[in-house]
Amino acid sequence: MKSHGISVGLHRYEGEFFIVLKAFGVLTHDDYKVLTPMLESFLAQSDAPNIRMLFDAREFEGWELHAAWDDFKIGLKHGSQFERIALLGSKAWQKWASKIGSWFISGEMRYFESESEAIAWLKSD
């Protein structure tokens, strides 16, 4: 059995705070049953109108169909709260996923293969 899941955190980089999601393996609907309430709780308590997020997908392999639908629903519901999402990846399909994902948020979403470049972009004005 392969491991899979998502870790969610709040990281500080030189005075700037970002949500950091790290996904690994193939995500399932059960993963989203746990993730969704955690993410929604954070977003409800955040006083920041425009949230910046680092999505580390370097070990991410994709979604089961139901989980992909769960992810889509989160994007539709909360997409207006994100100012920037940096997708940190290592696969060609992830670059395309970042372009498609940008359609569902009001801010910007970009793909990076370098963590330092992703963080620099998140910190920039």
N, C-alpha and C. Protein backbone atom coordinates (compact mmCIF):
# COMPACT_ATOMS: atom_id res chain seq x y z
N MET A 1 0.84 -1.17 0.00
CA MET A 1 0.00 0.00 0.00
C MET A 1 0.89 1.24 0.00
N LYS A 2 0.60 2.17 -0.90
CA LYS A 2 1.36 3.40 -0.98
C LYS A 2 0.75 4.45 -0.04
N SER A 3 1.59 5.26 0.55
CA SER A 3 1.07 6.32 1.40
C SER A 3 0.61 7.49 0.54
N HIS A 4 -0.33 8.25 1.08
CA HIS A 4 -0.85 9.43 0.39
C HIS A 4 -1.43 10.36 1.43
N GLY A 5 -1.57 11.62 1.07
CA GLY A 5 -2.18 12.56 1.98
C GLY A 5 -1.76 13.98 1.71
N ILE A 6 -2.17 14.84 2.63
CA ILE A 6 -1.89 16.26 2.53
C ILE A 6 -1.49 16.76 3.91
N SER A 7 -0.43 17.55 3.96
CA SER A 7 -0.12 18.25 5.19
C SER A 7 -0.40 19.73 4.95
N VAL A 8 -0.94 20.37 5.97
CA VAL A 8 -1.30 21.78 5.88
C VAL A 8 -0.56 22.52 6.98
N GLY A 9 0.03 23.64 6.63
CA GLY A 9 0.74 24.41 7.63
C GLY A 9 0.74 25.88 7.33
N LEU A 10 1.19 26.61 8.28
CA LEU A 10 1.38 28.05 8.15
C LEU A 10 2.85 28.29 8.36
N HIS A 11 3.52 28.80 7.34
CA HIS A 11 4.96 29.02 7.41
C HIS A 11 5.27 30.49 7.32
N ARG A 12 6.33 30.86 7.99
CA ARG A 12 6.77 32.26 7.98
C ARG A 12 8.12 32.33 7.27
N TYR A 13 8.19 33.21 6.29
CA TYR A 13 9.42 33.45 5.54
C TYR A 13 9.75 34.93 5.67
N GLU A 14 10.71 35.25 6.51
CA GLU A 14 11.16 36.63 6.68
C GLU A 14 9.99 37.59 6.88
N GLY A 15 9.13 37.27 7.83
CA GLY A 15 8.03 38.17 8.18
C GLY A 15 6.77 37.98 7.37
N GLU A 16 6.80 37.18 6.32
CA GLU A 16 5.63 36.92 5.49
C GLU A 16 5.07 35.54 5.85
N PHE A 17 3.75 35.46 6.01
CA PHE A 17 3.10 34.20 6.30
C PHE A 17 2.43 33.66 5.05
N PHE A 18 2.53 32.35 4.86
CA PHE A 18 1.89 31.67 3.75
C PHE A 18 1.26 30.38 4.25
N ILE A 19 0.15 30.01 3.63
CA ILE A 19 -0.37 28.66 3.82
C ILE A 19 0.54 27.76 2.98
N VAL A 20 0.93 26.64 3.53
CA VAL A 20 1.72 25.68 2.78
C VAL A 20 0.98 24.34 2.80
N LEU A 21 0.63 23.87 1.62
CA LEU A 21 0.03 22.55 1.47
C LEU A 21 1.05 21.67 0.77
N LYS A 22 1.22 20.48 1.29
CA LYS A 22 2.11 19.51 0.66
C LYS A 22 1.31 18.24 0.42
N ALA A 23 1.16 17.88 -0.85
CA ALA A 23 0.40 16.70 -1.21
C ALA A 23 1.37 15.61 -1.67
N PHE A 24 1.05 14.38 -1.33
CA PHE A 24 1.89 13.27 -1.79
C PHE A 24 1.02 12.07 -2.10
N GLY A 25 1.45 11.32 -3.10
CA GLY A 25 0.70 10.16 -3.54
C GLY A 25 -0.54 10.55 -4.33
N VAL A 26 -1.51 9.65 -4.38
CA VAL A 26 -2.78 9.88 -5.06
C VAL A 26 -3.83 10.22 -4.00
N LEU A 27 -4.39 11.42 -4.07
CA LEU A 27 -5.35 11.86 -3.06
C LEU A 27 -6.71 11.22 -3.27
N THR A 28 -7.38 10.96 -2.15
CA THR A 28 -8.68 10.31 -2.16
C THR A 28 -9.75 11.23 -1.58
N HIS A 29 -10.99 10.84 -1.75
CA HIS A 29 -12.11 11.57 -1.16
C HIS A 29 -11.95 11.63 0.36
N ASP A 30 -11.49 10.55 0.97
CA ASP A 30 -11.28 10.54 2.43
C ASP A 30 -10.26 11.58 2.85
N ASP A 31 -9.23 11.81 2.03
CA ASP A 31 -8.25 12.86 2.33
C ASP A 31 -8.94 14.22 2.38
N TYR A 32 -9.85 14.46 1.45
CA TYR A 32 -10.55 15.75 1.40
C TYR A 32 -11.57 15.90 2.52
N LYS A 33 -12.09 14.78 3.03
CA LYS A 33 -12.99 14.86 4.19
C LYS A 33 -12.26 15.45 5.39
N VAL A 34 -10.96 15.19 5.47
CA VAL A 34 -10.15 15.74 6.57
C VAL A 34 -9.63 17.13 6.22
N LEU A 35 -9.14 17.31 5.00
CA LEU A 35 -8.55 18.58 4.58
C LEU A 35 -9.56 19.72 4.54
N THR A 36 -10.72 19.48 3.96
CA THR A 36 -11.67 20.56 3.72
C THR A 36 -12.06 21.31 5.00
N PRO A 37 -12.47 20.64 6.08
CA PRO A 37 -12.81 21.39 7.29
C PRO A 37 -11.62 22.15 7.88
N MET A 38 -10.42 21.57 7.78
CA MET A 38 -9.23 22.26 8.30
C MET A 38 -8.97 23.53 7.51
N LEU A 39 -9.00 23.44 6.20
CA LEU A 39 -8.75 24.59 5.35
C LEU A 39 -9.83 25.64 5.52
N GLU A 40 -11.09 25.22 5.57
CA GLU A 40 -12.18 26.17 5.74
C GLU A 40 -12.12 26.86 7.09
N SER A 41 -11.72 26.15 8.12
CA SER A 41 -11.56 26.76 9.45
C SER A 41 -10.48 27.84 9.42
N PHE A 42 -9.37 27.53 8.78
CA PHE A 42 -8.30 28.52 8.68
C PHE A 42 -8.76 29.74 7.90
N LEU A 43 -9.40 29.51 6.77
CA LEU A 43 -9.84 30.63 5.93
C LEU A 43 -10.87 31.49 6.64
N ALA A 44 -11.75 30.87 7.43
CA ALA A 44 -12.77 31.62 8.17
C ALA A 44 -12.15 32.48 9.26
N GLN A 45 -11.05 32.04 9.84
CA GLN A 45 -10.42 32.77 10.94
C GLN A 45 -9.38 33.77 10.46
N SER A 46 -8.98 33.68 9.22
CA SER A 46 -7.94 34.57 8.71
C SER A 46 -8.50 35.96 8.51
N ASP A 47 -7.73 36.95 8.97
CA ASP A 47 -8.15 38.33 8.74
C ASP A 47 -7.49 38.90 7.48
N ALA A 48 -6.70 38.09 6.81
CA ALA A 48 -6.06 38.52 5.58
C ALA A 48 -7.07 38.40 4.43
N PRO A 49 -7.34 39.48 3.72
CA PRO A 49 -8.32 39.40 2.63
C PRO A 49 -7.79 38.64 1.43
N ASN A 50 -6.48 38.65 1.25
CA ASN A 50 -5.88 37.99 0.10
C ASN A 50 -4.77 37.06 0.58
N ILE A 51 -5.02 35.79 0.47
CA ILE A 51 -4.12 34.78 1.02
C ILE A 51 -3.15 34.31 -0.06
N ARG A 52 -1.93 34.08 0.36
CA ARG A 52 -0.91 33.52 -0.53
C ARG A 52 -0.58 32.12 -0.05
N MET A 53 -0.42 31.20 -1.01
CA MET A 53 -0.22 29.80 -0.66
C MET A 53 0.87 29.17 -1.52
N LEU A 54 1.66 28.33 -0.87
CA LEU A 54 2.64 27.49 -1.55
C LEU A 54 2.08 26.07 -1.56
N PHE A 55 1.87 25.53 -2.75
CA PHE A 55 1.37 24.16 -2.88
C PHE A 55 2.52 23.30 -3.38
N ASP A 56 3.08 22.50 -2.48
CA ASP A 56 4.21 21.64 -2.81
C ASP A 56 3.66 20.33 -3.37
N ALA A 57 3.79 20.17 -4.68
CA ALA A 57 3.25 19.00 -5.37
C ALA A 57 4.36 18.11 -5.93
N ARG A 58 5.56 18.25 -5.41
CA ARG A 58 6.68 17.48 -5.96
C ARG A 58 6.50 15.98 -5.79
N GLU A 59 5.77 15.54 -4.75
CA GLU A 59 5.54 14.11 -4.53
C GLU A 59 4.09 13.73 -4.83
N PHE A 60 3.35 14.66 -5.42
CA PHE A 60 1.94 14.46 -5.71
C PHE A 60 1.78 13.71 -7.03
N GLU A 61 0.94 12.68 -7.01
CA GLU A 61 0.74 11.86 -8.20
C GLU A 61 -0.62 12.05 -8.86
N GLY A 62 -1.54 12.75 -8.18
CA GLY A 62 -2.85 13.01 -8.77
C GLY A 62 -3.98 12.71 -7.80
N TRP A 63 -5.21 12.64 -8.36
CA TRP A 63 -6.41 12.45 -7.57
C TRP A 63 -7.19 11.25 -8.06
N GLU A 64 -7.90 10.62 -7.14
CA GLU A 64 -8.99 9.76 -7.55
C GLU A 64 -10.10 10.67 -8.06
N LEU A 65 -11.01 10.16 -8.85
CA LEU A 65 -12.03 11.00 -9.48
C LEU A 65 -12.84 11.81 -8.47
N HIS A 66 -13.31 11.18 -7.41
CA HIS A 66 -14.10 11.89 -6.41
C HIS A 66 -13.27 12.98 -5.73
N ALA A 67 -12.01 12.71 -5.49
CA ALA A 67 -11.12 13.70 -4.87
C ALA A 67 -10.88 14.88 -5.80
N ALA A 68 -10.79 14.63 -7.10
CA ALA A 68 -10.63 15.73 -8.06
C ALA A 68 -11.85 16.64 -8.00
N TRP A 69 -13.03 16.06 -7.87
CA TRP A 69 -14.25 16.84 -7.74
C TRP A 69 -14.24 17.65 -6.43
N ASP A 70 -13.78 17.04 -5.34
CA ASP A 70 -13.65 17.74 -4.06
C ASP A 70 -12.74 18.95 -4.20
N ASP A 71 -11.62 18.78 -4.89
CA ASP A 71 -10.66 19.86 -5.09
C ASP A 71 -11.29 20.99 -5.91
N PHE A 72 -12.02 20.64 -6.94
CA PHE A 72 -12.70 21.61 -7.79
C PHE A 72 -13.69 22.43 -6.98
N LYS A 73 -14.46 21.77 -6.10
CA LYS A 73 -15.45 22.48 -5.27
C LYS A 73 -14.77 23.46 -4.32
N ILE A 74 -13.63 23.09 -3.76
CA ILE A 74 -12.90 24.01 -2.87
C ILE A 74 -12.48 25.25 -3.67
N GLY A 75 -11.97 25.02 -4.88
CA GLY A 75 -11.56 26.14 -5.73
C GLY A 75 -12.71 27.08 -6.04
N LEU A 76 -13.87 26.53 -6.36
CA LEU A 76 -15.03 27.37 -6.66
C LEU A 76 -15.49 28.16 -5.43
N LYS A 77 -15.48 27.52 -4.28
CA LYS A 77 -15.98 28.15 -3.06
C LYS A 77 -15.02 29.20 -2.51
N HIS A 78 -13.71 28.93 -2.58
CA HIS A 78 -12.74 29.80 -1.91
C HIS A 78 -11.76 30.49 -2.85
N GLY A 79 -11.92 30.33 -4.14
CA GLY A 79 -10.98 30.89 -5.11
C GLY A 79 -10.80 32.38 -5.00
N SER A 80 -11.82 33.10 -4.55
CA SER A 80 -11.71 34.56 -4.45
C SER A 80 -10.84 35.00 -3.27
N GLN A 81 -10.51 34.09 -2.37
CA GLN A 81 -9.72 34.44 -1.20
C GLN A 81 -8.22 34.37 -1.45
N PHE A 82 -7.83 33.80 -2.58
CA PHE A 82 -6.40 33.61 -2.84
C PHE A 82 -5.87 34.68 -3.78
N GLU A 83 -4.86 35.37 -3.30
CA GLU A 83 -4.19 36.37 -4.13
C GLU A 83 -3.15 35.72 -5.03
N ARG A 84 -2.41 34.77 -4.46
CA ARG A 84 -1.37 34.07 -5.21
C ARG A 84 -1.25 32.64 -4.71
N ILE A 85 -1.09 31.73 -5.68
CA ILE A 85 -0.78 30.34 -5.35
C ILE A 85 0.42 29.94 -6.20
N ALA A 86 1.47 29.53 -5.53
CA ALA A 86 2.66 29.02 -6.21
C ALA A 86 2.60 27.51 -6.15
N LEU A 87 2.54 26.86 -7.31
CA LEU A 87 2.53 25.40 -7.38
C LEU A 87 3.96 24.95 -7.62
N LEU A 88 4.52 24.29 -6.65
CA LEU A 88 5.88 23.79 -6.72
C LEU A 88 5.83 22.34 -7.17
N GLY A 89 6.33 22.07 -8.37
CA GLY A 89 6.20 20.74 -8.92
C GLY A 89 7.43 20.26 -9.66
N SER A 90 7.26 19.09 -10.27
CA SER A 90 8.38 18.50 -11.00
C SER A 90 7.90 17.70 -12.21
N LYS A 91 6.63 17.85 -12.56
CA LYS A 91 6.07 17.08 -13.66
C LYS A 91 5.38 18.01 -14.65
N ALA A 92 5.43 17.68 -15.94
CA ALA A 92 4.84 18.53 -16.98
C ALA A 92 3.34 18.73 -16.77
N TRP A 93 2.61 17.70 -16.32
CA TRP A 93 1.17 17.84 -16.15
C TRP A 93 0.83 18.85 -15.05
N GLN A 94 1.75 19.02 -14.09
CA GLN A 94 1.51 19.98 -13.01
C GLN A 94 1.56 21.41 -13.53
N LYS A 95 2.41 21.65 -14.51
CA LYS A 95 2.47 22.98 -15.12
C LYS A 95 1.13 23.31 -15.77
N TRP A 96 0.56 22.33 -16.47
CA TRP A 96 -0.75 22.54 -17.09
C TRP A 96 -1.83 22.68 -16.03
N ALA A 97 -1.73 21.92 -14.96
CA ALA A 97 -2.72 22.00 -13.88
C ALA A 97 -2.72 23.40 -13.26
N SER A 98 -1.55 24.02 -13.16
CA SER A 98 -1.50 25.37 -12.59
C SER A 98 -2.20 26.37 -13.51
N LYS A 99 -2.09 26.18 -14.82
CA LYS A 99 -2.78 27.07 -15.76
C LYS A 99 -4.29 26.89 -15.67
N ILE A 100 -4.74 25.66 -15.59
CA ILE A 100 -6.18 25.40 -15.47
C ILE A 100 -6.68 25.89 -14.11
N GLY A 101 -5.92 25.65 -13.06
CA GLY A 101 -6.31 26.09 -11.72
C GLY A 101 -6.46 27.59 -11.62
N SER A 102 -5.68 28.32 -12.39
CA SER A 102 -5.75 29.79 -12.35
C SER A 102 -7.09 30.31 -12.84
N TRP A 103 -7.83 29.51 -13.60
CA TRP A 103 -9.16 29.92 -14.06
C TRP A 103 -10.15 30.01 -12.90
N PHE A 104 -9.86 29.32 -11.79
CA PHE A 104 -10.82 29.20 -10.70
C PHE A 104 -10.46 30.01 -9.47
N ILE A 105 -9.45 30.83 -9.56
CA ILE A 105 -9.13 31.73 -8.45
C ILE A 105 -9.10 33.15 -8.99
N SER A 106 -9.37 34.11 -8.12
CA SER A 106 -9.38 35.50 -8.58
C SER A 106 -7.96 36.05 -8.70
N GLY A 107 -7.03 35.44 -8.01
CA GLY A 107 -5.64 35.91 -8.06
C GLY A 107 -4.84 35.16 -9.12
N GLU A 108 -3.54 35.10 -8.88
CA GLU A 108 -2.64 34.45 -9.83
C GLU A 108 -2.21 33.09 -9.31
N MET A 109 -1.96 32.19 -10.24
CA MET A 109 -1.39 30.88 -9.92
C MET A 109 -0.28 30.63 -10.91
N ARG A 110 0.90 30.28 -10.39
CA ARG A 110 2.05 30.01 -11.26
C ARG A 110 2.74 28.73 -10.83
N TYR A 111 3.39 28.12 -11.80
CA TYR A 111 4.12 26.88 -11.61
C TYR A 111 5.61 27.18 -11.44
N PHE A 112 6.25 26.50 -10.48
CA PHE A 112 7.68 26.65 -10.24
C PHE A 112 8.30 25.28 -10.01
N GLU A 113 9.55 25.15 -10.40
CA GLU A 113 10.33 23.95 -10.08
C GLU A 113 11.37 24.25 -9.00
N SER A 114 11.52 25.52 -8.65
CA SER A 114 12.46 25.95 -7.61
C SER A 114 11.68 26.53 -6.44
N GLU A 115 11.91 25.97 -5.25
CA GLU A 115 11.22 26.46 -4.06
C GLU A 115 11.58 27.92 -3.76
N SER A 116 12.85 28.27 -3.92
CA SER A 116 13.26 29.65 -3.63
C SER A 116 12.61 30.63 -4.60
N GLU A 117 12.45 30.25 -5.86
CA GLU A 117 11.77 31.14 -6.83
C GLU A 117 10.28 31.26 -6.50
N ALA A 118 9.67 30.17 -6.07
CA ALA A 118 8.25 30.20 -5.70
C ALA A 118 8.04 31.12 -4.51
N ILE A 119 8.88 31.02 -3.51
CA ILE A 119 8.73 31.87 -2.31
C ILE A 119 9.01 33.31 -2.65
N ALA A 120 10.02 33.57 -3.47
CA ALA A 120 10.31 34.95 -3.88
C ALA A 120 9.12 35.57 -4.60
N TRP A 121 8.45 34.80 -5.45
CA TRP A 121 7.28 35.32 -6.15
C TRP A 121 6.14 35.57 -5.17
N LEU A 122 5.93 34.67 -4.22
CA LEU A 122 4.87 34.87 -3.23
C LEU A 122 5.11 36.12 -2.40
N LYS A 123 6.37 36.41 -2.10
CA LYS A 123 6.70 37.57 -1.26
C LYS A 123 6.67 38.88 -2.03
N SER A 124 6.78 38.82 -3.35
CA SER A 124 6.88 40.06 -4.14
C SER A 124 5.54 40.79 -4.19
N ASP A 125 5.63 42.07 -4.47
CA ASP A 125 4.40 42.88 -4.57
C ASP A 125 3.89 42.95 -5.97
